[in-house]
């Protein structure tokens, strides 16, 4: 499970800085909200211990 966390962060960095750089502002806003929701779900999942 330790190796999953760096992969998630690298994927998020790639999506934020490369993947959505060429989209409209509305698409970017929706994607940031969705990524924030995924981050909240993941943090709750990892902190359930």
PDB file of N, CA and C in Angstrom:
ATOM      1  N   UNK A   1       0.815  -1.196   0.000  1.00  0.00           N
ATOM      2  CA  UNK A   1       0.000   0.000   0.000  1.00  0.00           C
ATOM      3  C   UNK A   1       0.855   1.254   0.000  1.00  0.00           C
ATOM      4  N   UNK A   2       2.078   1.135   0.440  1.00  0.00           N
ATOM      5  CA  UNK A   2       2.981   2.287   0.474  1.00  0.00           C
ATOM      6  C   UNK A   2       3.310   2.758  -0.936  1.00  0.00           C
ATOM      7  N   UNK A   3       3.415   1.845  -1.889  1.00  0.00           N
ATOM      8  CA  UNK A   3       3.776   2.239  -3.244  1.00  0.00           C
ATOM      9  C   UNK A   3       2.611   2.858  -4.001  1.00  0.00           C
ATOM     10  N   UNK A   4       1.402   2.690  -3.506  1.00  0.00           N
ATOM     11  CA  UNK A   4       0.244   3.261  -4.184  1.00  0.00           C
ATOM     12  C   UNK A   4       0.184   4.772  -3.998  1.00  0.00           C
ATOM     13  N   UNK A   5       0.522   5.260  -2.818  1.00  0.00           N
ATOM     14  CA  UNK A   5       0.409   6.683  -2.519  1.00  0.00           C
ATOM     15  C   UNK A   5       1.272   7.560  -3.427  1.00  0.00           C
ATOM     16  N   UNK A   6       2.555   7.251  -3.654  1.00  0.00           N
ATOM     17  CA  UNK A   6       3.323   8.091  -4.579  1.00  0.00           C
ATOM     18  C   UNK A   6       2.773   8.068  -6.000  1.00  0.00           C
ATOM     19  N   UNK A   7       2.231   6.943  -6.410  1.00  0.00           N
ATOM     20  CA  UNK A   7       1.639   6.870  -7.755  1.00  0.00           C
ATOM     21  C   UNK A   7       0.425   7.761  -7.863  1.00  0.00           C
ATOM     22  N   UNK A   8      -0.378   7.821  -6.821  1.00  0.00           N
ATOM     23  CA  UNK A   8      -1.556   8.689  -6.829  1.00  0.00           C
ATOM     24  C   UNK A   8      -1.124  10.144  -6.934  1.00  0.00           C
ATOM     25  N   UNK A   9      -0.129  10.538  -6.140  1.00  0.00           N
ATOM     26  CA  UNK A   9       0.344  11.923  -6.186  1.00  0.00           C
ATOM     27  C   UNK A   9       0.955  12.271  -7.538  1.00  0.00           C
ATOM     28  N   UNK A  10       1.727  11.379  -8.115  1.00  0.00           N
ATOM     29  CA  UNK A  10       2.308  11.637  -9.427  1.00  0.00           C
ATOM     30  C   UNK A  10       1.230  11.759 -10.498  1.00  0.00           C
ATOM     31  N   UNK A  11       0.207  10.919 -10.408  1.00  0.00           N
ATOM     32  CA  UNK A  11      -0.897  11.005 -11.365  1.00  0.00           C
ATOM     33  C   UNK A  11      -1.645  12.316 -11.223  1.00  0.00           C
ATOM     34  N   UNK A  12      -1.901  12.732  -9.986  1.00  0.00           N
ATOM     35  CA  UNK A  12      -2.588  14.004  -9.770  1.00  0.00           C
ATOM     36  C   UNK A  12      -1.776  15.179 -10.279  1.00  0.00           C
ATOM     37  N   UNK A  13      -0.482  15.161 -10.036  1.00  0.00           N
ATOM     38  CA  UNK A  13       0.381  16.241 -10.530  1.00  0.00           C
ATOM     39  C   UNK A  13       0.350  16.290 -12.058  1.00  0.00           C
ATOM     40  N   UNK A  14       0.406  15.142 -12.689  1.00  0.00           N
ATOM     41  CA  UNK A  14       0.361  15.084 -14.153  1.00  0.00           C
ATOM     42  C   UNK A  14      -0.970  15.623 -14.672  1.00  0.00           C
ATOM     43  N   UNK A  15      -2.058  15.216 -14.052  1.00  0.00           N
ATOM     44  CA  UNK A  15      -3.379  15.674 -14.487  1.00  0.00           C
ATOM     45  C   UNK A  15      -3.509  17.175 -14.311  1.00  0.00           C
ATOM     46  N   UNK A  16      -3.065  17.677 -13.154  1.00  0.00           N
ATOM     47  CA  UNK A  16      -3.241  19.101 -12.868  1.00  0.00           C
ATOM     48  C   UNK A  16      -2.384  19.972 -13.777  1.00  0.00           C
ATOM     49  N   UNK A  17      -1.115  19.628 -13.944  1.00  0.00           N
ATOM     50  CA  UNK A  17      -0.215  20.519 -14.669  1.00  0.00           C
ATOM     51  C   UNK A  17      -0.126  20.255 -16.166  1.00  0.00           C
ATOM     52  N   UNK A  18      -0.414  19.047 -16.608  1.00  0.00           N
ATOM     53  CA  UNK A  18      -0.277  18.737 -18.026  1.00  0.00           C
ATOM     54  C   UNK A  18      -1.626  18.456 -18.672  1.00  0.00           C
ATOM     55  N   UNK A  19      -2.422  17.611 -18.042  1.00  0.00           N
ATOM     56  CA  UNK A  19      -3.659  17.130 -18.655  1.00  0.00           C
ATOM     57  C   UNK A  19      -4.716  18.193 -18.870  1.00  0.00           C
ATOM     58  N   UNK A  20      -4.890  19.093 -17.915  1.00  0.00           N
ATOM     59  CA  UNK A  20      -5.978  20.060 -18.051  1.00  0.00           C
ATOM     60  C   UNK A  20      -5.495  21.463 -18.407  1.00  0.00           C
ATOM     61  N   UNK A  21      -4.258  21.585 -18.774  1.00  0.00           N
ATOM     62  CA  UNK A  21      -3.719  22.915 -19.093  1.00  0.00           C
ATOM     63  C   UNK A  21      -4.364  23.517 -20.337  1.00  0.00           C
ATOM     64  N   UNK A  22      -4.885  22.677 -21.212  1.00  0.00           N
ATOM     65  CA  UNK A  22      -5.434  23.165 -22.471  1.00  0.00           C
ATOM     66  C   UNK A  22      -6.955  23.140 -22.515  1.00  0.00           C
ATOM     67  N   UNK A  23      -7.606  22.898 -21.386  1.00  0.00           N
ATOM     68  CA  UNK A  23      -9.059  22.880 -21.339  1.00  0.00           C
ATOM     69  C   UNK A  23      -9.601  24.237 -20.936  1.00  0.00           C
ATOM     70  N   UNK A  24     -10.906  24.408 -21.133  1.00  0.00           N
ATOM     71  CA  UNK A  24     -11.534  25.672 -20.755  1.00  0.00           C
ATOM     72  C   UNK A  24     -11.591  25.802 -19.240  1.00  0.00           C
ATOM     73  N   UNK A  25     -11.881  26.995 -18.774  1.00  0.00           N
ATOM     74  CA  UNK A  25     -11.898  27.265 -17.339  1.00  0.00           C
ATOM     75  C   UNK A  25     -13.019  26.492 -16.647  1.00  0.00           C
ATOM     76  N   UNK A  26     -14.147  26.276 -17.317  1.00  0.00           N
ATOM     77  CA  UNK A  26     -15.247  25.529 -16.729  1.00  0.00           C
ATOM     78  C   UNK A  26     -14.862  24.065 -16.526  1.00  0.00           C
ATOM     79  N   UNK A  27     -14.211  23.476 -17.508  1.00  0.00           N
ATOM     80  CA  UNK A  27     -13.766  22.079 -17.394  1.00  0.00           C
ATOM     81  C   UNK A  27     -12.739  21.960 -16.284  1.00  0.00           C
ATOM     82  N   UNK A  28     -11.829  22.908 -16.197  1.00  0.00           N
ATOM     83  CA  UNK A  28     -10.826  22.889 -15.132  1.00  0.00           C
ATOM     84  C   UNK A  28     -11.466  22.970 -13.753  1.00  0.00           C
ATOM     85  N   UNK A  29     -12.472  23.836 -13.607  1.00  0.00           N
ATOM     86  CA  UNK A  29     -13.143  23.983 -12.315  1.00  0.00           C
ATOM     87  C   UNK A  29     -13.824  22.677 -11.909  1.00  0.00           C
ATOM     88  N   UNK A  30     -14.517  22.049 -12.836  1.00  0.00           N
ATOM     89  CA  UNK A  30     -15.193  20.788 -12.537  1.00  0.00           C
ATOM     90  C   UNK A  30     -14.181  19.709 -12.177  1.00  0.00           C
ATOM     91  N   UNK A  31     -13.079  19.641 -12.905  1.00  0.00           N
ATOM     92  CA  UNK A  31     -12.064  18.633 -12.627  1.00  0.00           C
ATOM     93  C   UNK A  31     -11.387  18.860 -11.276  1.00  0.00           C
ATOM     94  N   UNK A  32     -11.142  20.107 -10.907  1.00  0.00           N
ATOM     95  CA  UNK A  32     -10.546  20.380  -9.597  1.00  0.00           C
ATOM     96  C   UNK A  32     -11.490  19.974  -8.470  1.00  0.00           C
ATOM     97  N   UNK A  33     -12.786  20.230  -8.648  1.00  0.00           N
ATOM     98  CA  UNK A  33     -13.757  19.817  -7.637  1.00  0.00           C
ATOM     99  C   UNK A  33     -13.802  18.293  -7.549  1.00  0.00           C
ATOM    100  N   UNK A  34     -13.793  17.622  -8.689  1.00  0.00           N
ATOM    101  CA  UNK A  34     -13.815  16.155  -8.700  1.00  0.00           C
ATOM    102  C   UNK A  34     -12.548  15.584  -8.064  1.00  0.00           C
ATOM    103  N   UNK A  35     -11.399  16.153  -8.388  1.00  0.00           N
ATOM    104  CA  UNK A  35     -10.151  15.680  -7.786  1.00  0.00           C
ATOM    105  C   UNK A  35     -10.130  15.915  -6.281  1.00  0.00           C
ATOM    106  N   UNK A  36     -10.706  17.018  -5.843  1.00  0.00           N
ATOM    107  CA  UNK A  36     -10.810  17.275  -4.414  1.00  0.00           C
ATOM    108  C   UNK A  36     -11.687  16.240  -3.726  1.00  0.00           C
ATOM    109  N   UNK A  37     -12.789  15.883  -4.374  1.00  0.00           N
ATOM    110  CA  UNK A  37     -13.657  14.848  -3.826  1.00  0.00           C
ATOM    111  C   UNK A  37     -12.959  13.503  -3.744  1.00  0.00           C
ATOM    112  N   UNK A  38     -12.200  13.165  -4.776  1.00  0.00           N
ATOM    113  CA  UNK A  38     -11.434  11.916  -4.760  1.00  0.00           C
ATOM    114  C   UNK A  38     -10.401  11.958  -3.641  1.00  0.00           C
ATOM    115  N   UNK A  39      -9.765  13.092  -3.448  1.00  0.00           N
ATOM    116  CA  UNK A  39      -8.786  13.228  -2.375  1.00  0.00           C
ATOM    117  C   UNK A  39      -9.411  13.042  -0.999  1.00  0.00           C
ATOM    118  N   UNK A  40     -10.602  13.571  -0.803  1.00  0.00           N
ATOM    119  CA  UNK A  40     -11.296  13.404   0.475  1.00  0.00           C
ATOM    120  C   UNK A  40     -11.648  11.945   0.704  1.00  0.00           C
ATOM    121  N   UNK A  41     -12.160  11.286  -0.331  1.00  0.00           N
ATOM    122  CA  UNK A  41     -12.512   9.868  -0.204  1.00  0.00           C
ATOM    123  C   UNK A  41     -11.277   9.033   0.098  1.00  0.00           C
ATOM    124  N   UNK A  42     -10.180   9.300  -0.596  1.00  0.00           N
ATOM    125  CA  UNK A  42      -8.950   8.544  -0.350  1.00  0.00           C
ATOM    126  C   UNK A  42      -8.404   8.791   1.048  1.00  0.00           C
ATOM    127  N   UNK A  43      -8.471  10.024   1.518  1.00  0.00           N
ATOM    128  CA  UNK A  43      -7.957  10.300   2.854  1.00  0.00           C
ATOM    129  C   UNK A  43      -8.797   9.594   3.917  1.00  0.00           C
ATOM    130  N   UNK A  44     -10.095   9.529   3.724  1.00  0.00           N
ATOM    131  CA  UNK A  44     -10.948   8.810   4.674  1.00  0.00           C
ATOM    132  C   UNK A  44     -10.660   7.313   4.622  1.00  0.00           C
ATOM    133  N   UNK A  45     -10.386   6.799   3.431  1.00  0.00           N
ATOM    134  CA  UNK A  45     -10.086   5.373   3.266  1.00  0.00           C
ATOM    135  C   UNK A  45      -8.774   5.011   3.961  1.00  0.00           C
ATOM    136  N   UNK A  46      -7.748   5.841   3.772  1.00  0.00           N
ATOM    137  CA  UNK A  46      -6.447   5.547   4.361  1.00  0.00           C
ATOM    138  C   UNK A  46      -6.424   5.768   5.875  1.00  0.00           C
ATOM    139  N   UNK A  47      -7.258   6.661   6.373  1.00  0.00           N
ATOM    140  CA  UNK A  47      -7.253   6.977   7.810  1.00  0.00           C
ATOM    141  C   UNK A  47      -8.252   6.142   8.603  1.00  0.00           C
ATOM    142  N   UNK A  48      -8.854   5.145   7.997  1.00  0.00           N
ATOM    143  CA  UNK A  48      -9.817   4.282   8.693  1.00  0.00           C
ATOM    144  C   UNK A  48      -9.144   3.368   9.706  1.00  0.00           C
ATOM    145  N   UNK A  49      -7.845   3.215   9.670  1.00  0.00           N
ATOM    146  CA  UNK A  49      -7.125   2.264  10.515  1.00  0.00           C
ATOM    147  C   UNK A  49      -7.338   2.468  11.981  1.00  0.00           C
TER     148      UNK A  49
END
